[in-house]
Amino acid sequence: MTQIKFFYNQENEDLFAIFPNDIFRGIFGDKLFSCYSRVGQHSACGTDYVQESRLAKEDEYIPLLNEMIYNYGYKDLEILM
């Protein structure tokens, strides 16, 4: 089962999901998460950005969750709150 957590960054109007068990180091920071945002974008986001964001509400993240499942084949997701 793949764990996922949805966030919303108010300042950037950015809805995104992180994979909290997929942490790595990169040139932009020591702790980066694999992320997925609207329009099928996989990227990395730092812990600072996640901390600046709030947990997304279910009615906010359902469209992104559906996109991940139906358009990109994510199955067996465990949504963490």
Protein backbone atom coordinates (compact mmCIF):
# COMPACT_ATOMS: atom_id res chain seq x y z
CA MET A 1 0.00 0.00 0.00
CA THR A 2 1.34 3.44 -0.94
CA GLN A 3 0.89 6.12 1.69
CA ILE A 4 -0.03 9.60 0.54
CA LYS A 5 -0.87 12.89 2.21
CA PHE A 6 -2.63 15.85 0.57
CA PHE A 7 -1.73 19.49 1.29
CA TYR A 8 -2.80 22.94 0.16
CA ASN A 9 -0.47 25.92 0.06
CA GLN A 10 -2.62 29.04 0.37
CA GLU A 11 0.02 31.52 -0.79
CA ASN A 12 0.61 29.68 -4.08
CA GLU A 13 -2.91 28.23 -4.41
CA ASP A 14 -1.18 24.89 -4.79
CA LEU A 15 -2.88 21.57 -4.12
CA PHE A 16 -0.37 18.72 -3.96
CA ALA A 17 0.23 15.27 -2.54
CA ILE A 18 3.36 13.97 -0.93
CA PHE A 19 4.56 10.42 -0.57
CA PRO A 20 5.81 10.62 3.04
CA ASN A 21 7.87 7.44 2.83
CA ASP A 22 9.73 8.60 -0.27
CA ILE A 23 12.27 11.02 1.23
CA PHE A 24 15.60 11.80 -0.39
CA ARG A 25 18.40 14.35 -0.58
CA GLY A 26 18.81 16.71 -3.48
CA ILE A 27 20.67 19.81 -4.54
CA PHE A 28 17.84 21.97 -3.19
CA GLY A 29 17.70 20.49 0.28
CA ASP A 30 18.42 17.63 2.57
CA LYS A 31 14.86 16.45 3.03
CA LEU A 32 12.74 16.29 -0.06
CA PHE A 33 9.52 14.39 -0.62
CA SER A 34 8.30 12.96 -3.88
CA CYS A 35 5.24 15.03 -4.76
CA TYR A 36 2.39 14.99 -7.22
CA SER A 37 0.44 18.09 -8.16
CA ARG A 38 -2.32 19.08 -10.54
CA VAL A 39 -1.98 18.30 -14.24
CA GLY A 40 0.08 15.18 -13.71
CA GLN A 41 3.27 16.74 -12.46
CA HIS A 42 5.67 14.63 -10.42
CA SER A 43 8.31 16.63 -8.62
CA ALA A 44 10.02 17.07 -5.30
CA CYS A 45 9.10 19.43 -2.50
CA GLY A 46 10.99 20.37 0.61
CA THR A 47 9.88 19.95 4.18
CA ASP A 48 9.72 23.75 4.52
CA TYR A 49 7.11 23.99 1.78
CA VAL A 50 5.08 21.19 3.35
CA GLN A 51 5.24 22.89 6.75
CA GLU A 52 4.03 26.18 5.21
CA SER A 53 1.00 24.34 3.84
CA ARG A 54 -2.07 22.96 5.54
CA LEU A 55 -3.64 19.56 5.19
CA ALA A 56 -6.09 19.61 2.31
CA LYS A 57 -9.74 18.98 3.04
CA GLU A 58 -11.37 15.96 1.46
CA ASP A 59 -13.52 18.03 -0.90
CA GLU A 60 -10.34 19.81 -2.08
CA TYR A 61 -8.21 16.74 -2.74
CA ILE A 62 -10.80 14.34 -4.23
CA PRO A 63 -10.31 15.68 -7.82
CA LEU A 64 -6.53 15.24 -7.53
CA LEU A 65 -6.96 11.77 -6.03
CA ASN A 66 -9.28 10.78 -8.89
CA GLU A 67 -6.75 12.10 -11.43
CA MET A 68 -4.03 10.02 -9.82
CA ILE A 69 -6.15 6.87 -9.84
CA TYR A 70 -7.89 7.09 -13.21
CA ASN A 71 -5.35 8.95 -15.36
CA TYR A 72 -2.05 7.74 -13.94
CA GLY A 73 -2.82 4.31 -12.53
CA TYR A 74 -2.18 4.85 -8.84
CA LYS A 75 -3.84 2.01 -7.01
CA ASP A 76 -3.93 0.87 -3.42
CA LEU A 77 -3.38 4.30 -1.86
CA GLU A 78 -3.62 4.87 1.87
CA ILE A 79 -4.56 8.49 2.57
CA LEU A 80 -2.93 9.80 5.72
CA MET A 81 -4.42 12.66 7.68
